[in-house]
Amino acid sequence: LGSKPTFWTMSLGAALVALVGYGLFGFQAPMMQRLHGMSPGTFALQYGVPLSLISAVGTFAGGYLAEKLTPRSVAAVAWLPAVGLGLAIPLYIVGFYMEPGTMQIAVWGLGAAAHYSYLGAQYTIGQGVVSQRSRASSIAILLFIIALIGNGLGPQIVGILSDMFMKMQIDAAGMSDTLTTTICRGRDLSALSEAQQTVCATAYGEGLRQSMAATVLFFIPAAAFYLLAAMTLKKDMVAKPV
């Protein structure tokens, strides 16, 4: 694999996509709860189920399109994920800022479909650039990189950014001398004035929403890595299309 740049650029791209995916997955229900008072159970039924189904459709569609376009462009399996990630960025951000309802689910869902259209590519490339006897090792290394960066950093980054944006909201409200992120995250805010409670509630929700919108921007370097993979895929590919 040391002589296969396609594998490494694709792996970094997939890891950054996973970073966003695990970050959003862990915080999307809390975001809706903080902003709109939606319970986790309600979110799971009204949003979780349709978003999961739409994501599955996006995964299938990405693989199907790559298969159909490969005869015309050998590197389609690498550049198609970049296109999907580029489309997912505005769809996700717009979806996060819409009011709850069918339109929000539709826009958010289109973002998820474009997002998860990359999945087929990571396994096709991960196995396609090595001989048959090395494919298991290749995928093991790929999944290790994804777990290390995606699982390890995704939720942490969303949380850190949420605290940062939350503090910015408090500062913008002119209450940095009396309120902190720790105070606003407290379960019992009854000791605070009504104005302070309002600032805390707004900062708590908006901080997380801004954090998730910012985390989606990791799709930009992820897409760049997939485009780099597309540039070297033809040279590195060992498996031949049927």
Protein backbone atom coordinates (compact mmCIF):
# COMPACT_ATOMS: atom_id res chain seq x y z
CA LEU A 1 0.00 0.00 0.00
CA GLY A 2 2.96 2.32 0.42
CA SER A 3 3.11 2.73 -3.35
CA LYS A 4 -0.63 3.33 -3.71
CA PRO A 5 -1.38 7.03 -3.10
CA THR A 6 -5.00 6.43 -4.13
CA PHE A 7 -5.56 4.27 -1.06
CA TRP A 8 -4.23 6.88 1.35
CA THR A 9 -6.03 9.88 -0.13
CA MET A 10 -9.28 7.90 -0.27
CA SER A 11 -8.78 6.71 3.33
CA LEU A 12 -8.27 10.26 4.58
CA GLY A 13 -11.33 11.41 2.66
CA ALA A 14 -13.43 8.56 4.09
CA ALA A 15 -12.12 9.28 7.61
CA LEU A 16 -13.12 12.95 7.38
CA VAL A 17 -16.57 11.99 6.10
CA ALA A 18 -16.89 9.59 9.05
CA LEU A 19 -15.80 12.40 11.38
CA VAL A 20 -18.76 14.46 10.20
CA GLY A 21 -21.11 11.47 10.22
CA TYR A 22 -20.37 10.39 13.78
CA GLY A 23 -20.44 13.98 14.97
CA LEU A 24 -23.86 14.67 13.43
CA PHE A 25 -25.28 11.32 14.51
CA GLY A 26 -24.42 11.94 18.14
CA PHE A 27 -25.78 15.48 18.34
CA GLN A 28 -28.67 15.87 15.89
CA ALA A 29 -31.33 14.76 18.40
CA PRO A 30 -29.95 17.02 21.20
CA MET A 31 -29.89 19.92 18.72
CA MET A 32 -33.58 19.52 17.93
CA GLN A 33 -34.36 19.11 21.62
CA ARG A 34 -32.54 22.32 22.57
CA LEU A 35 -33.89 24.39 19.69
CA HIS A 36 -37.44 23.11 19.38
CA GLY A 37 -38.15 21.12 22.56
CA MET A 38 -38.41 17.87 20.57
CA SER A 39 -38.01 14.75 22.70
CA PRO A 40 -35.46 12.10 21.66
CA GLY A 41 -38.29 9.61 21.07
CA THR A 42 -40.13 12.00 18.79
CA PHE A 43 -36.94 12.76 16.90
CA ALA A 44 -36.21 9.06 16.45
CA LEU A 45 -39.63 8.41 14.92
CA GLN A 46 -40.16 11.58 12.90
CA TYR A 47 -36.56 12.16 11.79
CA GLY A 48 -34.37 9.17 12.60
CA VAL A 49 -36.36 6.61 10.63
CA PRO A 50 -36.84 8.63 7.42
CA LEU A 51 -33.27 9.97 7.50
CA SER A 52 -31.91 6.43 7.87
CA LEU A 53 -34.00 5.17 4.96
CA ILE A 54 -33.02 8.10 2.74
CA SER A 55 -29.35 7.58 3.65
CA ALA A 56 -29.65 3.94 2.58
CA VAL A 57 -31.11 5.04 -0.76
CA GLY A 58 -28.20 7.47 -1.16
CA THR A 59 -25.71 4.68 -0.51
CA PHE A 60 -27.31 2.49 -3.16
CA ALA A 61 -27.63 5.37 -5.64
CA GLY A 62 -23.95 6.28 -5.26
CA GLY A 63 -22.87 2.73 -6.02
CA TYR A 64 -25.30 2.42 -8.92
CA LEU A 65 -24.15 5.68 -10.53
CA ALA A 66 -20.48 4.73 -10.10
CA GLU A 67 -21.14 1.40 -11.81
CA LYS A 68 -22.94 3.05 -14.73
CA LEU A 69 -20.36 5.82 -15.18
CA THR A 70 -17.21 3.69 -14.85
CA PRO A 71 -17.20 2.60 -18.54
CA ARG A 72 -17.02 6.30 -19.46
CA SER A 73 -14.73 7.39 -16.63
CA VAL A 74 -12.58 4.89 -14.77
CA ALA A 75 -12.21 7.39 -11.90
CA ALA A 76 -15.97 7.90 -11.47
CA VAL A 77 -15.98 5.86 -8.27
CA ALA A 78 -13.58 8.41 -6.75
CA TRP A 79 -14.92 11.73 -8.05
CA LEU A 80 -18.62 10.94 -7.53
CA PRO A 81 -18.23 11.03 -3.71
CA ALA A 82 -16.63 14.46 -4.04
CA VAL A 83 -19.70 15.69 -5.93
CA GLY A 84 -22.03 14.18 -3.33
CA LEU A 85 -20.16 15.77 -0.44
CA GLY A 86 -20.21 19.14 -2.19
CA LEU A 87 -23.99 18.90 -2.54
CA ALA A 88 -24.44 17.73 1.05
CA ILE A 89 -22.86 20.86 2.58
CA PRO A 90 -25.55 23.44 1.65
CA LEU A 91 -28.38 20.92 2.05
CA TYR A 92 -27.36 20.03 5.59
CA ILE A 93 -26.80 23.63 6.65
CA VAL A 94 -30.10 24.83 5.20
CA GLY A 95 -31.84 21.84 6.78
CA PHE A 96 -30.43 22.60 10.23
CA TYR A 97 -31.82 26.16 10.09
CA MET A 98 -35.33 25.28 8.87
CA GLU A 99 -38.34 24.96 11.13
CA PRO A 100 -39.41 21.40 12.02
CA GLY A 101 -41.68 19.75 9.48
CA THR A 102 -41.84 17.83 6.23
CA MET A 103 -39.74 20.36 4.28
CA GLN A 104 -36.95 20.21 6.84
CA ILE A 105 -36.92 16.41 6.71
CA ALA A 106 -36.85 16.54 2.89
CA VAL A 107 -33.92 18.97 2.68
CA TRP A 108 -32.04 17.32 5.54
CA GLY A 109 -32.72 13.94 3.93
CA LEU A 110 -31.35 15.04 0.55
CA GLY A 111 -28.20 16.13 2.37
CA ALA A 112 -27.96 12.70 4.01
CA ALA A 113 -28.46 10.93 0.67
CA ALA A 114 -25.69 12.97 -0.95
CA HIS A 115 -23.50 12.43 2.13
CA TYR A 116 -23.76 8.64 2.25
CA SER A 117 -23.36 8.14 -1.49
CA TYR A 118 -19.62 7.82 -0.78
CA LEU A 119 -19.81 4.48 1.06
CA GLY A 120 -19.51 2.18 -1.92
CA ALA A 121 -16.45 4.03 -3.13
CA GLN A 122 -14.35 3.43 -0.02
CA TYR A 123 -14.67 -0.34 -0.28
CA THR A 124 -14.36 -0.46 -4.06
CA ILE A 125 -11.13 1.53 -3.98
CA GLY A 126 -9.84 -0.06 -0.77
CA GLN A 127 -10.05 -3.53 -2.32
CA GLY A 128 -9.43 -2.56 -5.93
CA VAL A 129 -5.92 -1.18 -5.54
CA VAL A 130 -4.47 -4.40 -4.07
CA SER A 131 -4.30 -8.03 -5.10
CA GLN A 132 -6.95 -10.48 -3.92
CA ARG A 133 -4.79 -11.92 -1.12
CA SER A 134 -4.26 -8.43 0.39
CA ARG A 135 -7.84 -7.19 0.35
CA ALA A 136 -8.70 -8.18 3.92
CA SER A 137 -5.63 -6.39 5.27
CA SER A 138 -6.33 -3.37 3.11
CA ILE A 139 -9.89 -2.99 4.44
CA ALA A 140 -8.69 -3.59 8.02
CA ILE A 141 -6.24 -0.70 7.69
CA LEU A 142 -8.91 1.48 6.08
CA LEU A 143 -11.39 0.83 8.90
CA PHE A 144 -8.71 1.46 11.51
CA ILE A 145 -8.01 4.90 10.00
CA ILE A 146 -11.74 5.65 9.82
CA ALA A 147 -12.31 4.57 13.43
CA LEU A 148 -9.33 6.54 14.70
CA ILE A 149 -10.31 9.81 13.03
CA GLY A 150 -14.08 9.42 12.62
CA ASN A 151 -15.05 7.78 15.90
CA GLY A 152 -12.23 9.32 17.87
CA LEU A 153 -12.51 12.94 16.80
CA GLY A 154 -16.00 13.51 15.35
CA PRO A 155 -18.10 13.78 18.54
CA GLN A 156 -15.26 15.56 20.35
CA ILE A 157 -14.99 18.25 17.68
CA VAL A 158 -18.74 18.90 17.67
CA GLY A 159 -18.71 19.23 21.46
CA ILE A 160 -15.71 21.56 21.53
CA LEU A 161 -17.14 23.76 18.78
CA SER A 162 -20.52 23.80 20.53
CA ASP A 163 -18.93 25.20 23.71
CA MET A 164 -17.00 27.76 21.67
CA PHE A 165 -20.07 29.00 19.78
CA MET A 166 -22.13 28.91 22.96
CA LYS A 167 -19.63 31.23 24.66
CA MET A 168 -19.74 33.54 21.63
CA GLN A 169 -23.53 33.72 21.96
CA ILE A 170 -23.23 34.62 25.64
CA ASP A 171 -20.61 37.27 24.87
CA ALA A 172 -22.78 38.73 22.09
CA ALA A 173 -25.65 39.06 24.59
CA GLY A 174 -23.39 41.08 26.89
CA MET A 175 -23.58 38.61 29.78
CA SER A 176 -20.06 37.19 29.77
CA ASP A 177 -19.46 38.72 33.21
CA THR A 178 -22.31 36.76 34.82
CA LEU A 179 -22.84 33.68 32.65
CA THR A 180 -20.55 30.86 31.58
CA THR A 181 -21.09 27.77 29.44
CA THR A 182 -20.97 25.67 32.61
CA ILE A 183 -23.73 27.70 34.23
CA CYS A 184 -25.92 27.57 31.12
CA ARG A 185 -25.50 23.80 30.82
CA GLY A 186 -26.77 23.32 34.36
CA ARG A 187 -29.98 21.39 34.94
CA ASP A 188 -31.48 23.95 37.31
CA LEU A 189 -31.45 27.55 36.05
CA SER A 190 -34.13 28.79 38.44
CA ALA A 191 -31.61 30.93 40.32
CA LEU A 192 -31.00 33.00 37.18
CA SER A 193 -33.07 35.94 36.07
CA GLU A 194 -35.56 35.52 33.23
CA ALA A 195 -33.24 37.39 30.86
CA GLN A 196 -30.31 35.17 31.82
CA GLN A 197 -32.39 32.03 31.35
CA THR A 198 -33.39 33.22 27.89
CA VAL A 199 -29.76 33.89 26.91
CA CYS A 200 -28.70 30.47 28.23
CA ALA A 201 -31.47 28.67 26.33
CA THR A 202 -30.63 30.50 23.09
CA ALA A 203 -26.88 30.00 23.45
CA TYR A 204 -27.33 26.33 24.36
CA GLY A 205 -29.29 25.59 21.20
CA GLU A 206 -27.64 27.96 18.74
CA GLY A 207 -24.16 26.97 19.89
CA LEU A 208 -24.83 23.35 18.96
CA ARG A 209 -26.52 24.23 15.67
CA GLN A 210 -23.60 26.43 14.62
CA SER A 211 -21.21 23.69 15.69
CA MET A 212 -22.93 21.12 13.50
CA ALA A 213 -23.01 23.52 10.55
CA ALA A 214 -19.28 24.17 10.99
CA THR A 215 -18.52 20.45 11.28
CA VAL A 216 -20.20 19.83 7.92
CA LEU A 217 -17.46 21.98 6.36
CA PHE A 218 -15.03 19.10 6.93
CA PHE A 219 -16.66 17.73 3.77
CA ILE A 220 -14.56 20.26 1.82
CA PRO A 221 -11.16 18.67 2.55
CA ALA A 222 -12.82 15.23 2.35
CA ALA A 223 -14.01 16.00 -1.19
CA ALA A 224 -10.54 17.29 -2.06
CA PHE A 225 -9.01 13.98 -0.95
CA TYR A 226 -11.46 12.06 -3.13
CA LEU A 227 -10.53 14.24 -6.11
CA LEU A 228 -6.86 13.49 -5.44
CA ALA A 229 -7.74 9.80 -5.38
CA ALA A 230 -9.47 10.18 -8.74
CA MET A 231 -6.26 11.58 -10.24
CA THR A 232 -4.24 8.45 -9.43
CA LEU A 233 -6.94 5.77 -9.47
CA LYS A 234 -6.36 4.55 -13.03
CA LYS A 235 -2.66 3.94 -12.35
CA ASP A 236 -3.17 2.26 -8.97
CA MET A 237 -6.26 0.13 -9.74
CA VAL A 238 -5.52 -3.58 -9.90
CA ALA A 239 -9.06 -4.95 -10.16
CA LYS A 240 -10.58 -4.73 -13.60
CA PRO A 241 -14.23 -3.73 -14.13
CA VAL A 242 -16.45 -6.52 -15.46
